[in-house]
Amino acid sequence: MPIQQTSISHRPTRVLTQLAVPLAIALVAATAATAPGLAQEGGDRARPGEVLAAMVGTWQGSGWSMNRTQERETFDVFERVESVAGGHLVMIRGRGYVPAGTGEDGRLVHDAGGIVRLTEAGGYEMFAATAMNGADGFAMDVTGTGYTWEIPLGPHGRIVYEAVFTADSWTETGQYCDPAGQCYPTLSMTLTRVAD
């Protein structure tokens, strides 16, 4: 399925504040891989449940994102990742609360979920849904040490995310890149595995 244009792509500032963290939270828990999991016999791509097996479990973390006034806002995030249907899909459930340090007693600001699947073209796609923006599909590039993905904003540029992980933790950063190629940080967070 091709990447679809978001309905709010004509307002990049609004996109930064409404899409950046909810989708990052959904995708952060969905995307990690090991190099051996990227290929199977016959050259076919591995199922998402195989390539993302390292991320199945329960995760917690914290970080910051840019708010509507372009100031950093801290948050705590809680994620649950599951492989379903024989590994054909990976399902993610993420919730974020502000400010950081309050845990689930804080104010719920990010309520997101997603499904990672293998596309007909042989790539990986995250179909992510947030309470604020509905659902959309985004292509993912899974690597041996993490992943990258981006939200296209048409003539207004793009939002780019990059994650690096180890067995029990990972970090993700996000940035808004304008049409001229100048990029500005929008997100940084670190999560730790708390249960399988």
C-alpha atoms as a PDB file:
ATOM      1  CA  MET A   1       0.000   0.000   0.000  1.00  0.00           C
ATOM      2  CA  PRO A   2       1.502   3.363  -0.977  1.00  0.00           C
ATOM      3  CA  ILE A   3       2.101   6.107   1.543  1.00  0.00           C
ATOM      4  CA  GLN A   4      -0.950   8.319   1.742  1.00  0.00           C
ATOM      5  CA  GLN A   5      -0.828  12.095   2.186  1.00  0.00           C
ATOM      6  CA  THR A   6      -2.055  13.178   5.623  1.00  0.00           C
ATOM      7  CA  SER A   7      -5.103  15.397   5.710  1.00  0.00           C
ATOM      8  CA  ILE A   8      -3.299  18.075   7.739  1.00  0.00           C
ATOM      9  CA  SER A   9      -0.114  18.249   5.694  1.00  0.00           C
ATOM     10  CA  HIS A  10      -0.844  21.838   4.662  1.00  0.00           C
ATOM     11  CA  ARG A  11      -0.064  23.014   8.224  1.00  0.00           C
ATOM     12  CA  PRO A  12       3.456  21.846   9.157  1.00  0.00           C
ATOM     13  CA  THR A  13       3.486  23.390  12.653  1.00  0.00           C
ATOM     14  CA  ARG A  14       0.260  21.616  13.496  1.00  0.00           C
ATOM     15  CA  VAL A  15       1.641  18.393  12.055  1.00  0.00           C
ATOM     16  CA  LEU A  16       4.726  18.661  14.268  1.00  0.00           C
ATOM     17  CA  THR A  17       2.689  18.993  17.426  1.00  0.00           C
ATOM     18  CA  GLN A  18      -0.120  16.562  16.567  1.00  0.00           C
ATOM     19  CA  LEU A  19       1.654  13.805  14.656  1.00  0.00           C
ATOM     20  CA  ALA A  20       5.246  13.781  15.823  1.00  0.00           C
ATOM     21  CA  VAL A  21       4.918  12.201  19.251  1.00  0.00           C
ATOM     22  CA  PRO A  22       1.769  10.070  18.799  1.00  0.00           C
ATOM     23  CA  LEU A  23       3.120   8.355  15.701  1.00  0.00           C
ATOM     24  CA  ALA A  24       6.613   8.113  17.096  1.00  0.00           C
ATOM     25  CA  ILE A  25       5.254   6.427  20.186  1.00  0.00           C
ATOM     26  CA  ALA A  26       3.324   3.964  18.075  1.00  0.00           C
ATOM     27  CA  LEU A  27       6.231   3.237  15.767  1.00  0.00           C
ATOM     28  CA  VAL A  28       9.000   3.237  18.337  1.00  0.00           C
ATOM     29  CA  ALA A  29       7.581   0.109  19.907  1.00  0.00           C
ATOM     30  CA  ALA A  30       6.991  -1.506  16.547  1.00  0.00           C
ATOM     31  CA  THR A  31      10.301  -1.294  14.837  1.00  0.00           C
ATOM     32  CA  ALA A  32      13.513  -3.063  15.643  1.00  0.00           C
ATOM     33  CA  ALA A  33      15.246  -5.921  13.927  1.00  0.00           C
ATOM     34  CA  THR A  34      18.236  -8.175  13.797  1.00  0.00           C
ATOM     35  CA  ALA A  35      20.175  -8.529  10.565  1.00  0.00           C
ATOM     36  CA  PRO A  36      19.595 -12.315  10.281  1.00  0.00           C
ATOM     37  CA  GLY A  37      15.835 -11.739  10.452  1.00  0.00           C
ATOM     38  CA  LEU A  38      15.782  -9.596   7.332  1.00  0.00           C
ATOM     39  CA  ALA A  39      15.929 -12.451   4.837  1.00  0.00           C
ATOM     40  CA  GLN A  40      14.463 -15.907   4.451  1.00  0.00           C
ATOM     41  CA  GLU A  41      14.984 -18.692   1.946  1.00  0.00           C
ATOM     42  CA  GLY A  42      14.200 -17.590  -1.593  1.00  0.00           C
ATOM     43  CA  GLY A  43      15.164 -13.989  -0.832  1.00  0.00           C
ATOM     44  CA  ASP A  44      11.755 -13.117   0.620  1.00  0.00           C
ATOM     45  CA  ARG A  45      11.520 -10.622   3.451  1.00  0.00           C
ATOM     46  CA  ALA A  46      10.866 -11.994   6.926  1.00  0.00           C
ATOM     47  CA  ARG A  47       7.447 -11.573   8.486  1.00  0.00           C
ATOM     48  CA  PRO A  48       7.117  -8.569  10.815  1.00  0.00           C
ATOM     49  CA  GLY A  49       6.783 -10.891  13.808  1.00  0.00           C
ATOM     50  CA  GLU A  50      10.182 -12.372  12.971  1.00  0.00           C
ATOM     51  CA  VAL A  51      12.074  -9.213  12.082  1.00  0.00           C
ATOM     52  CA  LEU A  52      10.603  -7.308  15.036  1.00  0.00           C
ATOM     53  CA  ALA A  53      10.766 -10.174  17.551  1.00  0.00           C
ATOM     54  CA  ALA A  54      13.229  -8.227  19.737  1.00  0.00           C
ATOM     55  CA  MET A  55      10.575  -5.599  20.411  1.00  0.00           C
ATOM     56  CA  VAL A  56       7.774  -7.896  21.559  1.00  0.00           C
ATOM     57  CA  GLY A  57       7.108  -7.110  25.206  1.00  0.00           C
ATOM     58  CA  THR A  58       6.282  -4.243  27.543  1.00  0.00           C
ATOM     59  CA  TRP A  59       8.331  -1.031  27.534  1.00  0.00           C
ATOM     60  CA  GLN A  60       8.487   2.228  29.484  1.00  0.00           C
ATOM     61  CA  GLY A  61      10.416   5.414  28.988  1.00  0.00           C
ATOM     62  CA  SER A  62      10.437   9.172  28.840  1.00  0.00           C
ATOM     63  CA  GLY A  63      11.505  11.997  26.597  1.00  0.00           C
ATOM     64  CA  TRP A  64      10.611  15.386  25.195  1.00  0.00           C
ATOM     65  CA  SER A  65       8.817  16.786  22.180  1.00  0.00           C
ATOM     66  CA  MET A  66       8.131  20.256  20.840  1.00  0.00           C
ATOM     67  CA  ASN A  67       4.712  21.580  21.888  1.00  0.00           C
ATOM     68  CA  ARG A  68       2.424  24.051  20.094  1.00  0.00           C
ATOM     69  CA  THR A  69       4.470  27.005  21.324  1.00  0.00           C
ATOM     70  CA  GLN A  70       7.718  25.377  20.118  1.00  0.00           C
ATOM     71  CA  GLU A  71       8.874  24.660  23.673  1.00  0.00           C
ATOM     72  CA  ARG A  72      10.055  21.290  24.919  1.00  0.00           C
ATOM     73  CA  GLU A  73       7.403  19.289  26.764  1.00  0.00           C
ATOM     74  CA  THR A  74       8.472  16.216  28.724  1.00  0.00           C
ATOM     75  CA  PHE A  75       6.474  12.989  28.766  1.00  0.00           C
ATOM     76  CA  ASP A  76       6.422   9.389  30.049  1.00  0.00           C
ATOM     77  CA  VAL A  77       5.501   6.644  27.580  1.00  0.00           C
ATOM     78  CA  PHE A  78       4.159   3.099  28.056  1.00  0.00           C
ATOM     79  CA  GLU A  79       4.173   0.559  25.210  1.00  0.00           C
ATOM     80  CA  ARG A  80       2.953  -2.988  24.625  1.00  0.00           C
ATOM     81  CA  VAL A  81       4.106  -4.865  21.482  1.00  0.00           C
ATOM     82  CA  GLU A  82       2.676  -8.222  20.327  1.00  0.00           C
ATOM     83  CA  SER A  83       3.270 -10.547  17.377  1.00  0.00           C
ATOM     84  CA  VAL A  84      -0.027 -11.988  16.087  1.00  0.00           C
ATOM     85  CA  ALA A  85      -1.344 -14.242  13.333  1.00  0.00           C
ATOM     86  CA  GLY A  86       1.790 -16.362  13.147  1.00  0.00           C
ATOM     87  CA  GLY A  87       4.001 -13.299  12.879  1.00  0.00           C
ATOM     88  CA  HIS A  88       2.201 -11.814   9.874  1.00  0.00           C
ATOM     89  CA  LEU A  89       1.409  -8.715  11.939  1.00  0.00           C
ATOM     90  CA  VAL A  90       2.916  -6.861  14.870  1.00  0.00           C
ATOM     91  CA  MET A  91       0.453  -4.888  16.992  1.00  0.00           C
ATOM     92  CA  ILE A  92       1.465  -1.899  19.113  1.00  0.00           C
ATOM     93  CA  ARG A  93      -0.366   0.001  21.843  1.00  0.00           C
ATOM     94  CA  GLY A  94       1.200   3.198  23.191  1.00  0.00           C
ATOM     95  CA  ARG A  95       0.164   5.848  25.711  1.00  0.00           C
ATOM     96  CA  GLY A  96       2.003   9.021  26.675  1.00  0.00           C
ATOM     97  CA  TYR A  97       1.553  11.211  29.752  1.00  0.00           C
ATOM     98  CA  VAL A  98       2.829  14.673  30.657  1.00  0.00           C
ATOM     99  CA  PRO A  99       4.867  15.828  32.399  1.00  0.00           C
ATOM    100  CA  ALA A 100       7.672  13.264  32.640  1.00  0.00           C
ATOM    101  CA  GLY A 101       7.977  11.782  36.109  1.00  0.00           C
ATOM    102  CA  THR A 102       4.238  11.504  36.713  1.00  0.00           C
ATOM    103  CA  GLY A 103       3.784   8.168  34.959  1.00  0.00           C
ATOM    104  CA  GLU A 104       0.209   7.105  34.336  1.00  0.00           C
ATOM    105  CA  ASP A 105      -0.919   9.625  36.967  1.00  0.00           C
ATOM    106  CA  GLY A 106      -0.040  12.395  34.508  1.00  0.00           C
ATOM    107  CA  ARG A 107      -2.270  13.868  31.821  1.00  0.00           C
ATOM    108  CA  LEU A 108      -2.868  11.498  28.883  1.00  0.00           C
ATOM    109  CA  VAL A 109      -1.736  13.311  25.740  1.00  0.00           C
ATOM    110  CA  HIS A 110      -0.825  10.492  23.350  1.00  0.00           C
ATOM    111  CA  ASP A 111      -3.104   7.550  22.644  1.00  0.00           C
ATOM    112  CA  ALA A 112      -1.808   5.578  19.670  1.00  0.00           C
ATOM    113  CA  GLY A 113      -1.844   2.142  18.132  1.00  0.00           C
ATOM    114  CA  GLY A 114      -0.527   0.514  15.018  1.00  0.00           C
ATOM    115  CA  ILE A 115      -0.017  -2.571  12.922  1.00  0.00           C
ATOM    116  CA  VAL A 116       3.222  -3.415  11.119  1.00  0.00           C
ATOM    117  CA  ARG A 117       2.855  -5.500   7.979  1.00  0.00           C
ATOM    118  CA  LEU A 118       4.836  -6.664   4.972  1.00  0.00           C
ATOM    119  CA  THR A 119       3.714  -4.859   1.813  1.00  0.00           C
ATOM    120  CA  GLU A 120       3.066  -6.485  -1.552  1.00  0.00           C
ATOM    121  CA  ALA A 121       6.264  -4.818  -2.796  1.00  0.00           C
ATOM    122  CA  GLY A 122       8.253  -6.586  -0.079  1.00  0.00           C
ATOM    123  CA  GLY A 123       8.846  -3.629   2.237  1.00  0.00           C
ATOM    124  CA  TYR A 124       7.558  -2.896   5.716  1.00  0.00           C
ATOM    125  CA  GLU A 125       4.718  -0.533   6.509  1.00  0.00           C
ATOM    126  CA  MET A 126       3.266   0.774   9.739  1.00  0.00           C
ATOM    127  CA  PHE A 127      -0.438   1.539   9.662  1.00  0.00           C
ATOM    128  CA  ALA A 128      -0.671   3.878  12.651  1.00  0.00           C
ATOM    129  CA  ALA A 129      -3.706   5.401  14.310  1.00  0.00           C
ATOM    130  CA  THR A 130      -3.864   8.211  16.865  1.00  0.00           C
ATOM    131  CA  ALA A 131      -6.788   9.676  18.761  1.00  0.00           C
ATOM    132  CA  MET A 132      -6.070  13.113  17.281  1.00  0.00           C
ATOM    133  CA  ASN A 133      -5.464  12.265  13.618  1.00  0.00           C
ATOM    134  CA  GLY A 134      -7.085   8.986  12.638  1.00  0.00           C
ATOM    135  CA  ALA A 135      -5.026   6.438  10.707  1.00  0.00           C
ATOM    136  CA  ASP A 136      -2.477   6.442   7.892  1.00  0.00           C
ATOM    137  CA  GLY A 137       0.254   4.196   6.450  1.00  0.00           C
ATOM    138  CA  PHE A 138       3.978   4.974   6.494  1.00  0.00           C
ATOM    139  CA  ALA A 139       6.902   3.111   4.935  1.00  0.00           C
ATOM    140  CA  MET A 140       9.644   1.870   7.285  1.00  0.00           C
ATOM    141  CA  ASP A 141      13.286   0.996   6.665  1.00  0.00           C
ATOM    142  CA  VAL A 142      14.302  -1.635   9.222  1.00  0.00           C
ATOM    143  CA  THR A 143      18.056  -2.017   9.811  1.00  0.00           C
ATOM    144  CA  GLY A 144      20.270  -4.249  11.919  1.00  0.00           C
ATOM    145  CA  THR A 145      20.461  -1.669  14.723  1.00  0.00           C
ATOM    146  CA  GLY A 146      17.098   0.096  14.501  1.00  0.00           C
ATOM    147  CA  TYR A 147      14.930   1.773  11.898  1.00  0.00           C
ATOM    148  CA  THR A 148      14.068   4.963  10.067  1.00  0.00           C
ATOM    149  CA  TRP A 149      10.719   6.235   8.850  1.00  0.00           C
ATOM    150  CA  GLU A 150       9.217   9.539   7.783  1.00  0.00           C
ATOM    151  CA  ILE A 151       5.983  11.441   7.376  1.00  0.00           C
ATOM    152  CA  PRO A 152       5.820  13.273   4.034  1.00  0.00           C
ATOM    153  CA  LEU A 153       4.341  16.782   4.249  1.00  0.00           C
ATOM    154  CA  GLY A 154       4.087  17.494   0.537  1.00  0.00           C
ATOM    155  CA  PRO A 155       5.430  20.943  -0.323  1.00  0.00           C
ATOM    156  CA  HIS A 156       6.043  21.662   3.388  1.00  0.00           C
ATOM    157  CA  GLY A 157       8.865  19.146   3.839  1.00  0.00           C
ATOM    158  CA  ARG A 158       8.860  16.012   5.968  1.00  0.00           C
ATOM    159  CA  ILE A 159       9.229  14.645   9.495  1.00  0.00           C
ATOM    160  CA  VAL A 160      12.052  12.089   9.867  1.00  0.00           C
ATOM    161  CA  TYR A 161      12.566   9.612  12.704  1.00  0.00           C
ATOM    162  CA  GLU A 162      15.557   7.425  13.507  1.00  0.00           C
ATOM    163  CA  ALA A 163      15.885   4.795  16.224  1.00  0.00           C
ATOM    164  CA  VAL A 164      18.817   2.818  17.586  1.00  0.00           C
ATOM    165  CA  PHE A 165      18.310  -0.096  19.979  1.00  0.00           C
ATOM    166  CA  THR A 166      20.002  -2.709  22.121  1.00  0.00           C
ATOM    167  CA  ALA A 167      18.472  -5.833  23.706  1.00  0.00           C
ATOM    168  CA  ASP A 168      16.723  -3.954  26.518  1.00  0.00           C
ATOM    169  CA  SER A 169      16.593  -0.289  25.499  1.00  0.00           C
ATOM    170  CA  TRP A 170      16.369   2.011  22.559  1.00  0.00           C
ATOM    171  CA  THR A 171      16.352   5.694  21.714  1.00  0.00           C
ATOM    172  CA  GLU A 172      14.442   7.546  19.030  1.00  0.00           C
ATOM    173  CA  THR A 173      14.904  11.032  17.682  1.00  0.00           C
ATOM    174  CA  GLY A 174      12.690  13.029  15.356  1.00  0.00           C
ATOM    175  CA  GLN A 175      13.202  16.117  13.275  1.00  0.00           C
ATOM    176  CA  TYR A 176      11.208  18.336  10.947  1.00  0.00           C
ATOM    177  CA  CYS A 177      12.989  18.989   7.645  1.00  0.00           C
ATOM    178  CA  ASP A 178      11.779  21.969   5.612  1.00  0.00           C
ATOM    179  CA  PRO A 179      11.648  21.969   1.785  1.00  0.00           C
ATOM    180  CA  ALA A 180      15.133  23.518   1.646  1.00  0.00           C
ATOM    181  CA  GLY A 181      16.556  20.577   3.609  1.00  0.00           C
ATOM    182  CA  GLN A 182      17.113  22.407   6.922  1.00  0.00           C
ATOM    183  CA  CYS A 183      16.153  20.083   9.821  1.00  0.00           C
ATOM    184  CA  TYR A 184      15.022  20.973  13.355  1.00  0.00           C
ATOM    185  CA  PRO A 185      14.813  18.550  16.354  1.00  0.00           C
ATOM    186  CA  THR A 186      11.242  17.715  17.415  1.00  0.00           C
ATOM    187  CA  LEU A 187      11.527  14.586  19.580  1.00  0.00           C
ATOM    188  CA  SER A 188      13.905  12.546  21.708  1.00  0.00           C
ATOM    189  CA  MET A 189      12.997   9.578  23.896  1.00  0.00           C
ATOM    190  CA  THR A 190      14.477   6.473  25.503  1.00  0.00           C
ATOM    191  CA  LEU A 191      12.593   3.327  26.481  1.00  0.00           C
ATOM    192  CA  THR A 192      13.525   0.295  28.599  1.00  0.00           C
ATOM    193  CA  ARG A 193      12.090  -3.219  28.530  1.00  0.00           C
ATOM    194  CA  VAL A 194      10.142  -3.944  31.723  1.00  0.00           C
ATOM    195  CA  ALA A 195       8.578  -7.323  30.815  1.00  0.00           C
ATOM    196  CA  ASP A 196       8.505  -9.892  28.023  1.00  0.00           C
END
